[in-house]
Amino acid sequence: MFNFFTMFQVSGRLSELKTTIDAGLGQRNILLQTIGDKFELWNLKVLSYVDQCWGVLTYYFHSIQDDVNYLFTLCRYAKRKLSIIH
């Protein structure tokens, strides 16, 4: 009888342990999914910010390059005009 009672207690404890492990695994999966979702959001935000920065830098680079080309053209034009006058 003592042996049966001990086995009953062990069986109950094993059942509780299995329930606890199952609940922990479910929570772990939820947490991993949440972490993955948050990572994706941050990754998209960072990548879009980097893309915006590259777009702005490219715009400014081309804008500066256009200004330099314009000034170079003006200088060549002025040089030709001065050479015609002299």
N, C-alpha and C. Protein backbone atom coordinates (compact mmCIF):
# COMPACT_ATOMS: atom_id res chain seq x y z
N MET A 1 0.82 -1.19 0.00
CA MET A 1 0.00 0.00 0.00
C MET A 1 0.87 1.26 0.00
N PHE A 2 1.93 1.24 0.76
CA PHE A 2 2.85 2.37 0.78
C PHE A 2 3.49 2.55 -0.59
N ASN A 3 3.82 1.48 -1.24
CA ASN A 3 4.43 1.50 -2.55
C ASN A 3 3.47 2.10 -3.58
N PHE A 4 2.18 1.74 -3.50
CA PHE A 4 1.18 2.27 -4.41
C PHE A 4 0.99 3.77 -4.19
N PHE A 5 0.97 4.22 -2.94
CA PHE A 5 0.80 5.63 -2.62
C PHE A 5 1.99 6.44 -3.13
N THR A 6 3.20 5.92 -2.98
CA THR A 6 4.41 6.59 -3.45
C THR A 6 4.38 6.70 -4.97
N MET A 7 3.98 5.63 -5.63
CA MET A 7 3.90 5.66 -7.09
C MET A 7 2.85 6.67 -7.55
N PHE A 8 1.74 6.79 -6.82
CA PHE A 8 0.69 7.75 -7.14
C PHE A 8 1.22 9.18 -7.01
N GLN A 9 1.98 9.43 -5.94
CA GLN A 9 2.57 10.77 -5.75
C GLN A 9 3.58 11.09 -6.85
N VAL A 10 4.43 10.12 -7.18
CA VAL A 10 5.43 10.33 -8.22
C VAL A 10 4.75 10.59 -9.55
N SER A 11 3.71 9.84 -9.83
CA SER A 11 2.98 10.03 -11.08
C SER A 11 2.36 11.42 -11.13
N GLY A 12 1.81 11.89 -10.01
CA GLY A 12 1.23 13.24 -9.96
C GLY A 12 2.30 14.31 -10.17
N ARG A 13 3.45 14.11 -9.54
CA ARG A 13 4.54 15.08 -9.69
C ARG A 13 5.06 15.10 -11.13
N LEU A 14 5.17 13.92 -11.73
CA LEU A 14 5.61 13.86 -13.12
C LEU A 14 4.62 14.56 -14.04
N SER A 15 3.35 14.42 -13.76
CA SER A 15 2.32 15.07 -14.55
C SER A 15 2.43 16.60 -14.40
N GLU A 16 2.66 17.08 -13.16
CA GLU A 16 2.84 18.51 -12.93
C GLU A 16 4.09 19.02 -13.66
N LEU A 17 5.16 18.22 -13.61
CA LEU A 17 6.41 18.60 -14.28
C LEU A 17 6.19 18.69 -15.79
N LYS A 18 5.47 17.72 -16.35
CA LYS A 18 5.19 17.74 -17.79
C LYS A 18 4.37 18.98 -18.15
N THR A 19 3.38 19.31 -17.35
CA THR A 19 2.56 20.50 -17.59
C THR A 19 3.41 21.76 -17.52
N THR A 20 4.30 21.82 -16.52
CA THR A 20 5.17 22.98 -16.38
C THR A 20 6.11 23.11 -17.57
N ILE A 21 6.68 22.00 -18.01
CA ILE A 21 7.58 22.01 -19.16
C ILE A 21 6.83 22.43 -20.42
N ASP A 22 5.64 21.89 -20.62
CA ASP A 22 4.83 22.27 -21.80
C ASP A 22 4.50 23.76 -21.79
N ALA A 23 4.13 24.27 -20.62
CA ALA A 23 3.82 25.69 -20.52
C ALA A 23 5.07 26.52 -20.78
N GLY A 24 6.21 26.08 -20.24
CA GLY A 24 7.47 26.80 -20.47
C GLY A 24 7.86 26.81 -21.94
N LEU A 25 7.67 25.68 -22.61
CA LEU A 25 7.99 25.61 -24.04
C LEU A 25 7.06 26.52 -24.85
N GLY A 26 5.79 26.55 -24.46
CA GLY A 26 4.86 27.45 -25.14
C GLY A 26 5.26 28.91 -24.95
N GLN A 27 5.63 29.27 -23.72
CA GLN A 27 6.08 30.63 -23.44
C GLN A 27 7.35 30.94 -24.21
N ARG A 28 8.26 29.97 -24.25
CA ARG A 28 9.52 30.18 -24.98
C ARG A 28 9.24 30.46 -26.44
N ASN A 29 8.35 29.69 -27.04
CA ASN A 29 8.02 29.90 -28.45
C ASN A 29 7.40 31.27 -28.69
N ILE A 30 6.53 31.69 -27.76
CA ILE A 30 5.92 33.03 -27.88
C ILE A 30 7.00 34.10 -27.77
N LEU A 31 7.89 33.94 -26.78
CA LEU A 31 8.96 34.93 -26.60
C LEU A 31 9.89 34.97 -27.81
N LEU A 32 10.25 33.81 -28.34
CA LEU A 32 11.12 33.78 -29.52
C LEU A 32 10.44 34.44 -30.72
N GLN A 33 9.16 34.21 -30.87
CA GLN A 33 8.41 34.83 -31.97
C GLN A 33 8.38 36.35 -31.79
N THR A 34 8.15 36.80 -30.56
CA THR A 34 8.12 38.24 -30.27
C THR A 34 9.48 38.87 -30.54
N ILE A 35 10.54 38.20 -30.09
CA ILE A 35 11.90 38.71 -30.33
C ILE A 35 12.17 38.78 -31.83
N GLY A 36 11.79 37.75 -32.56
CA GLY A 36 11.98 37.74 -34.01
C GLY A 36 11.22 38.87 -34.69
N ASP A 37 9.98 39.09 -34.26
CA ASP A 37 9.17 40.18 -34.84
C ASP A 37 9.80 41.54 -34.55
N LYS A 38 10.23 41.75 -33.31
CA LYS A 38 10.86 43.03 -32.94
C LYS A 38 12.15 43.22 -33.73
N PHE A 39 12.92 42.15 -33.88
CA PHE A 39 14.16 42.24 -34.65
C PHE A 39 13.88 42.65 -36.08
N GLU A 40 12.87 42.06 -36.68
CA GLU A 40 12.51 42.40 -38.06
C GLU A 40 12.11 43.87 -38.18
N LEU A 41 11.31 44.35 -37.22
CA LEU A 41 10.91 45.76 -37.25
C LEU A 41 12.11 46.69 -37.15
N TRP A 42 13.01 46.42 -36.21
CA TRP A 42 14.20 47.25 -36.05
C TRP A 42 15.10 47.15 -37.27
N ASN A 43 15.21 45.96 -37.81
CA ASN A 43 16.04 45.76 -39.00
C ASN A 43 15.50 46.58 -40.16
N LEU A 44 14.19 46.57 -40.36
CA LEU A 44 13.58 47.35 -41.44
C LEU A 44 13.77 48.85 -41.20
N LYS A 45 13.62 49.27 -39.94
CA LYS A 45 13.81 50.69 -39.64
C LYS A 45 15.25 51.12 -39.91
N VAL A 46 16.18 50.30 -39.49
CA VAL A 46 17.60 50.64 -39.69
C VAL A 46 17.92 50.66 -41.18
N LEU A 47 17.46 49.65 -41.91
CA LEU A 47 17.75 49.59 -43.34
C LEU A 47 17.11 50.75 -44.08
N SER A 48 15.87 51.10 -43.71
CA SER A 48 15.23 52.23 -44.40
C SER A 48 15.94 53.53 -44.05
N TYR A 49 16.43 53.64 -42.80
CA TYR A 49 17.18 54.86 -42.43
C TYR A 49 18.48 54.94 -43.21
N VAL A 50 19.15 53.80 -43.37
CA VAL A 50 20.40 53.78 -44.14
C VAL A 50 20.12 54.13 -45.59
N ASP A 51 19.04 53.57 -46.15
CA ASP A 51 18.68 53.88 -47.54
C ASP A 51 18.40 55.38 -47.69
N GLN A 52 17.68 55.96 -46.72
CA GLN A 52 17.41 57.40 -46.79
C GLN A 52 18.70 58.19 -46.74
N CYS A 53 19.62 57.79 -45.87
CA CYS A 53 20.90 58.49 -45.77
C CYS A 53 21.65 58.41 -47.09
N TRP A 54 21.68 57.22 -47.68
CA TRP A 54 22.37 57.08 -48.96
C TRP A 54 21.71 57.94 -50.03
N GLY A 55 20.37 57.99 -49.99
CA GLY A 55 19.67 58.82 -50.96
C GLY A 55 20.01 60.29 -50.79
N VAL A 56 20.04 60.76 -49.56
CA VAL A 56 20.37 62.15 -49.29
C VAL A 56 21.81 62.44 -49.68
N LEU A 57 22.72 61.54 -49.29
CA LEU A 57 24.13 61.74 -49.64
C LEU A 57 24.34 61.74 -51.15
N THR A 58 23.65 60.84 -51.83
CA THR A 58 23.77 60.79 -53.28
C THR A 58 23.24 62.07 -53.90
N TYR A 59 22.10 62.57 -53.38
CA TYR A 59 21.53 63.82 -53.88
C TYR A 59 22.53 64.96 -53.69
N TYR A 60 23.08 65.08 -52.48
CA TYR A 60 24.02 66.17 -52.22
C TYR A 60 25.29 66.03 -53.05
N PHE A 61 25.76 64.80 -53.22
CA PHE A 61 26.95 64.59 -54.03
C PHE A 61 26.70 65.04 -55.46
N HIS A 62 25.56 64.63 -56.02
CA HIS A 62 25.26 65.04 -57.39
C HIS A 62 25.02 66.54 -57.48
N SER A 63 24.40 67.11 -56.44
CA SER A 63 24.18 68.54 -56.43
C SER A 63 25.50 69.30 -56.41
N ILE A 64 26.44 68.87 -55.57
CA ILE A 64 27.75 69.50 -55.52
C ILE A 64 28.49 69.30 -56.84
N GLN A 65 28.39 68.11 -57.38
CA GLN A 65 29.05 67.82 -58.65
C GLN A 65 28.47 68.72 -59.75
N ASP A 66 27.16 68.91 -59.75
CA ASP A 66 26.54 69.81 -60.73
C ASP A 66 27.03 71.24 -60.55
N ASP A 67 27.16 71.68 -59.30
CA ASP A 67 27.66 73.03 -59.03
C ASP A 67 29.09 73.20 -59.53
N VAL A 68 29.92 72.20 -59.31
CA VAL A 68 31.31 72.26 -59.77
C VAL A 68 31.36 72.30 -61.29
N ASN A 69 30.56 71.47 -61.93
CA ASN A 69 30.52 71.46 -63.39
C ASN A 69 30.04 72.81 -63.93
N TYR A 70 29.04 73.40 -63.29
CA TYR A 70 28.53 74.70 -63.70
C TYR A 70 29.62 75.76 -63.56
N LEU A 71 30.31 75.78 -62.41
CA LEU A 71 31.38 76.76 -62.20
C LEU A 71 32.51 76.56 -63.21
N PHE A 72 32.85 75.31 -63.48
CA PHE A 72 33.90 75.01 -64.45
C PHE A 72 33.50 75.54 -65.83
N THR A 73 32.24 75.34 -66.20
CA THR A 73 31.74 75.83 -67.48
C THR A 73 31.79 77.36 -67.53
N LEU A 74 31.38 78.01 -66.43
CA LEU A 74 31.45 79.48 -66.38
C LEU A 74 32.89 79.97 -66.52
N CYS A 75 33.82 79.28 -65.85
CA CYS A 75 35.23 79.68 -65.94
C CYS A 75 35.76 79.53 -67.37
N ARG A 76 35.40 78.44 -68.01
CA ARG A 76 35.84 78.24 -69.40
C ARG A 76 35.25 79.31 -70.30
N TYR A 77 33.98 79.62 -70.08
CA TYR A 77 33.32 80.64 -70.87
C TYR A 77 33.99 82.00 -70.65
N ALA A 78 34.25 82.34 -69.38
CA ALA A 78 34.89 83.62 -69.06
C ALA A 78 36.31 83.66 -69.67
N LYS A 79 37.01 82.56 -69.62
CA LYS A 79 38.37 82.51 -70.18
C LYS A 79 38.33 82.74 -71.68
N ARG A 80 37.35 82.12 -72.35
CA ARG A 80 37.22 82.33 -73.80
C ARG A 80 36.88 83.79 -74.10
N LYS A 81 35.98 84.36 -73.33
CA LYS A 81 35.59 85.75 -73.54
C LYS A 81 36.80 86.68 -73.35
N LEU A 82 37.56 86.39 -72.27
CA LEU A 82 38.74 87.23 -72.01
C LEU A 82 39.78 87.06 -73.11
N SER A 83 39.93 85.87 -73.63
CA SER A 83 40.93 85.66 -74.68
C SER A 83 40.48 86.34 -75.99
N ILE A 84 39.19 86.43 -76.19
CA ILE A 84 38.71 87.12 -77.39
C ILE A 84 38.96 88.62 -77.25
N ILE A 85 38.73 89.16 -76.03
CA ILE A 85 38.89 90.59 -75.79
C ILE A 85 40.36 90.97 -75.93
N HIS A 86 41.24 90.16 -75.39
CA HIS A 86 42.67 90.49 -75.44
C HIS A 86 43.20 90.10 -76.75
